[in-house]
Amino acid sequence: MARPKKQPSPLAYPSAWINRNFRIKVYGLAPDGAKVNTLVGVAGAVAMLGVDTLNDILRRAASMPGDVYKRKLRRGLQVSFYGK
């Protein structure tokens, strides 16, 4: 019998709040090997990073003292949160 699929955890903050307070930029190599250097919304960030990783980054970005919070991931992506 197959295991039930694990439901992704919800976002720590509402997507309207995230889009209102941050610009999210993703830079590096996508999983298919293509280079990426673009601004994304919450849906794009969830698609590229996953809900759990995005929640971890959001918690730190929300408490950041400066204008930008950058996080480099091992898979070759760099995610930047620019405060508005």
N, C-alpha and C. Protein backbone atom coordinates (compact mmCIF):
# COMPACT_ATOMS: atom_id res chain seq x y z
N MET A 1 0.83 -1.17 0.00
CA MET A 1 0.00 0.00 0.00
C MET A 1 0.89 1.24 0.00
N ALA A 2 0.55 2.22 -0.79
CA ALA A 2 1.35 3.43 -0.93
C ALA A 2 1.18 4.33 0.29
N ARG A 3 2.25 5.03 0.60
CA ARG A 3 2.20 5.97 1.70
C ARG A 3 1.40 7.20 1.29
N PRO A 4 0.67 7.80 2.18
CA PRO A 4 -0.04 9.04 1.83
C PRO A 4 0.96 10.16 1.61
N LYS A 5 0.65 11.03 0.66
CA LYS A 5 1.55 12.14 0.37
C LYS A 5 1.51 13.15 1.50
N LYS A 6 2.68 13.67 1.83
CA LYS A 6 2.79 14.66 2.88
C LYS A 6 2.33 16.01 2.34
N GLN A 7 1.42 16.65 3.04
CA GLN A 7 0.95 17.96 2.63
C GLN A 7 2.01 19.00 2.96
N PRO A 8 2.29 19.94 2.04
CA PRO A 8 3.27 20.97 2.36
C PRO A 8 2.73 21.89 3.45
N SER A 9 3.64 22.33 4.29
CA SER A 9 3.21 23.23 5.36
C SER A 9 2.86 24.59 4.76
N PRO A 10 1.92 25.29 5.36
CA PRO A 10 1.53 26.60 4.82
C PRO A 10 2.64 27.62 5.03
N LEU A 11 2.56 28.70 4.32
CA LEU A 11 3.55 29.77 4.45
C LEU A 11 3.42 30.42 5.82
N ALA A 12 4.54 30.91 6.33
CA ALA A 12 4.57 31.55 7.64
C ALA A 12 3.87 32.91 7.61
N TYR A 13 3.86 33.56 6.46
CA TYR A 13 3.24 34.87 6.30
C TYR A 13 2.30 34.81 5.10
N PRO A 14 1.26 35.64 5.07
CA PRO A 14 0.38 35.66 3.89
C PRO A 14 1.14 36.16 2.65
N SER A 15 0.81 35.63 1.50
CA SER A 15 1.54 36.00 0.29
C SER A 15 1.34 37.47 -0.06
N ALA A 16 0.19 38.05 0.28
CA ALA A 16 -0.02 39.48 0.03
C ALA A 16 0.95 40.32 0.85
N TRP A 17 1.21 39.92 2.10
CA TRP A 17 2.16 40.64 2.95
C TRP A 17 3.57 40.52 2.40
N ILE A 18 3.94 39.34 1.94
CA ILE A 18 5.28 39.12 1.40
C ILE A 18 5.50 39.97 0.17
N ASN A 19 4.54 39.95 -0.77
CA ASN A 19 4.69 40.73 -1.99
C ASN A 19 4.66 42.23 -1.72
N ARG A 20 3.96 42.65 -0.68
CA ARG A 20 3.88 44.06 -0.33
C ARG A 20 5.18 44.57 0.27
N ASN A 21 5.90 43.73 1.01
CA ASN A 21 7.07 44.17 1.76
C ASN A 21 8.41 43.79 1.14
N PHE A 22 8.43 42.87 0.20
CA PHE A 22 9.69 42.40 -0.36
C PHE A 22 9.62 42.27 -1.87
N ARG A 23 10.77 42.44 -2.49
CA ARG A 23 10.99 42.00 -3.86
C ARG A 23 11.92 40.79 -3.75
N ILE A 24 11.56 39.71 -4.41
CA ILE A 24 12.32 38.47 -4.30
C ILE A 24 13.04 38.23 -5.62
N LYS A 25 14.35 38.12 -5.56
CA LYS A 25 15.15 37.88 -6.76
C LYS A 25 15.87 36.55 -6.62
N VAL A 26 15.81 35.75 -7.67
CA VAL A 26 16.48 34.44 -7.69
C VAL A 26 17.56 34.49 -8.77
N TYR A 27 18.75 34.04 -8.40
CA TYR A 27 19.90 34.09 -9.29
C TYR A 27 20.65 32.77 -9.18
N GLY A 28 21.09 32.24 -10.31
CA GLY A 28 21.90 31.03 -10.29
C GLY A 28 21.44 30.04 -11.34
N LEU A 29 21.55 28.76 -11.03
CA LEU A 29 21.19 27.69 -11.95
C LEU A 29 19.90 27.02 -11.51
N ALA A 30 18.96 26.92 -12.43
CA ALA A 30 17.70 26.23 -12.17
C ALA A 30 17.96 24.72 -12.17
N PRO A 31 17.01 23.95 -11.66
CA PRO A 31 17.20 22.49 -11.64
C PRO A 31 17.43 21.88 -13.02
N ASP A 32 16.92 22.51 -14.08
CA ASP A 32 17.13 21.97 -15.41
C ASP A 32 18.44 22.42 -16.04
N GLY A 33 19.24 23.20 -15.32
CA GLY A 33 20.55 23.63 -15.81
C GLY A 33 20.57 24.99 -16.45
N ALA A 34 19.41 25.62 -16.63
CA ALA A 34 19.35 26.94 -17.24
C ALA A 34 19.73 28.02 -16.21
N LYS A 35 20.35 29.08 -16.70
CA LYS A 35 20.70 30.19 -15.82
C LYS A 35 19.45 31.02 -15.53
N VAL A 36 19.34 31.45 -14.28
CA VAL A 36 18.18 32.22 -13.84
C VAL A 36 18.69 33.50 -13.20
N ASN A 37 18.08 34.63 -13.55
CA ASN A 37 18.38 35.91 -12.93
C ASN A 37 17.12 36.76 -13.08
N THR A 38 16.17 36.58 -12.17
CA THR A 38 14.88 37.22 -12.35
C THR A 38 14.20 37.51 -11.02
N LEU A 39 13.29 38.48 -11.06
CA LEU A 39 12.42 38.74 -9.93
C LEU A 39 11.26 37.76 -9.98
N VAL A 40 10.89 37.22 -8.84
CA VAL A 40 9.77 36.28 -8.78
C VAL A 40 8.82 36.72 -7.68
N GLY A 41 7.60 36.26 -7.78
CA GLY A 41 6.62 36.47 -6.72
C GLY A 41 6.66 35.31 -5.76
N VAL A 42 5.68 35.26 -4.90
CA VAL A 42 5.63 34.19 -3.91
C VAL A 42 5.44 32.84 -4.58
N ALA A 43 4.56 32.79 -5.58
CA ALA A 43 4.32 31.52 -6.27
C ALA A 43 5.57 31.02 -6.98
N GLY A 44 6.32 31.92 -7.59
CA GLY A 44 7.57 31.53 -8.25
C GLY A 44 8.63 31.07 -7.26
N ALA A 45 8.69 31.73 -6.11
CA ALA A 45 9.65 31.33 -5.08
C ALA A 45 9.30 29.96 -4.50
N VAL A 46 8.00 29.71 -4.31
CA VAL A 46 7.59 28.39 -3.81
C VAL A 46 7.93 27.31 -4.83
N ALA A 47 7.73 27.61 -6.12
CA ALA A 47 8.02 26.63 -7.16
C ALA A 47 9.51 26.31 -7.23
N MET A 48 10.37 27.32 -7.03
CA MET A 48 11.81 27.10 -7.14
C MET A 48 12.44 26.59 -5.85
N LEU A 49 11.94 27.01 -4.70
CA LEU A 49 12.59 26.69 -3.43
C LEU A 49 11.85 25.66 -2.60
N GLY A 50 10.54 25.66 -2.67
CA GLY A 50 9.74 24.82 -1.80
C GLY A 50 9.24 25.63 -0.60
N VAL A 51 8.18 25.15 0.01
CA VAL A 51 7.53 25.90 1.09
C VAL A 51 8.41 25.95 2.33
N ASP A 52 9.00 24.85 2.71
CA ASP A 52 9.79 24.82 3.95
C ASP A 52 11.02 25.72 3.87
N THR A 53 11.74 25.66 2.76
CA THR A 53 12.92 26.51 2.58
C THR A 53 12.52 27.98 2.54
N LEU A 54 11.43 28.29 1.84
CA LEU A 54 10.98 29.67 1.77
C LEU A 54 10.57 30.19 3.14
N ASN A 55 9.93 29.36 3.96
CA ASN A 55 9.57 29.78 5.32
C ASN A 55 10.80 30.11 6.16
N ASP A 56 11.84 29.29 6.06
CA ASP A 56 13.07 29.55 6.81
C ASP A 56 13.69 30.88 6.40
N ILE A 57 13.75 31.12 5.09
CA ILE A 57 14.35 32.35 4.60
C ILE A 57 13.48 33.56 4.96
N LEU A 58 12.16 33.40 4.89
CA LEU A 58 11.26 34.51 5.21
C LEU A 58 11.37 34.94 6.67
N ARG A 59 11.51 34.00 7.57
CA ARG A 59 11.62 34.35 8.99
C ARG A 59 12.85 35.22 9.24
N ARG A 60 13.93 34.91 8.58
CA ARG A 60 15.14 35.72 8.73
C ARG A 60 15.02 37.05 8.01
N ALA A 61 14.44 37.04 6.82
CA ALA A 61 14.31 38.28 6.05
C ALA A 61 13.37 39.26 6.74
N ALA A 62 12.35 38.76 7.42
CA ALA A 62 11.40 39.65 8.10
C ALA A 62 12.06 40.37 9.28
N SER A 63 13.08 39.77 9.86
CA SER A 63 13.76 40.39 10.99
C SER A 63 15.09 41.02 10.61
N MET A 64 15.32 41.22 9.31
CA MET A 64 16.60 41.75 8.86
C MET A 64 16.73 43.23 9.23
N PRO A 65 17.92 43.65 9.64
CA PRO A 65 18.12 45.06 9.98
C PRO A 65 18.36 45.94 8.76
N GLY A 66 18.87 45.40 7.67
CA GLY A 66 19.22 46.20 6.51
C GLY A 66 18.16 46.18 5.42
N ASP A 67 18.56 46.63 4.25
CA ASP A 67 17.64 46.70 3.12
C ASP A 67 17.57 45.42 2.32
N VAL A 68 18.58 44.57 2.43
CA VAL A 68 18.61 43.36 1.62
C VAL A 68 19.07 42.18 2.48
N TYR A 69 18.46 41.03 2.21
CA TYR A 69 18.87 39.77 2.85
C TYR A 69 19.15 38.78 1.74
N LYS A 70 20.39 38.26 1.70
CA LYS A 70 20.78 37.31 0.66
C LYS A 70 21.07 35.97 1.30
N ARG A 71 20.65 34.92 0.60
CA ARG A 71 20.88 33.55 1.07
C ARG A 71 21.34 32.72 -0.10
N LYS A 72 22.48 32.06 0.06
CA LYS A 72 23.00 31.18 -0.97
C LYS A 72 22.69 29.75 -0.59
N LEU A 73 22.11 29.03 -1.52
CA LEU A 73 21.74 27.64 -1.29
C LEU A 73 22.76 26.72 -1.94
N ARG A 74 22.90 25.52 -1.44
CA ARG A 74 23.89 24.57 -1.95
C ARG A 74 23.60 24.13 -3.38
N ARG A 75 22.35 24.20 -3.76
CA ARG A 75 21.99 23.74 -5.11
C ARG A 75 22.34 24.73 -6.20
N GLY A 76 22.99 25.84 -5.86
CA GLY A 76 23.47 26.79 -6.85
C GLY A 76 22.58 28.01 -7.03
N LEU A 77 21.61 28.19 -6.16
CA LEU A 77 20.73 29.35 -6.24
C LEU A 77 21.08 30.36 -5.16
N GLN A 78 20.94 31.62 -5.51
CA GLN A 78 21.05 32.69 -4.54
C GLN A 78 19.71 33.43 -4.52
N VAL A 79 19.14 33.59 -3.34
CA VAL A 79 17.84 34.25 -3.18
C VAL A 79 18.08 35.54 -2.43
N SER A 80 17.59 36.65 -2.97
CA SER A 80 17.73 37.96 -2.33
C SER A 80 16.36 38.53 -2.05
N PHE A 81 16.16 39.01 -0.83
CA PHE A 81 14.93 39.69 -0.43
C PHE A 81 15.27 41.16 -0.26
N TYR A 82 14.70 42.00 -1.08
CA TYR A 82 14.89 43.44 -1.01
C TYR A 82 13.69 44.06 -0.30
N GLY A 83 13.93 44.77 0.79
CA GLY A 83 12.84 45.43 1.51
C GLY A 83 12.36 46.64 0.73
N LYS A 84 11.06 46.84 0.75
CA LYS A 84 10.49 48.00 0.04
C LYS A 84 10.42 49.19 0.96
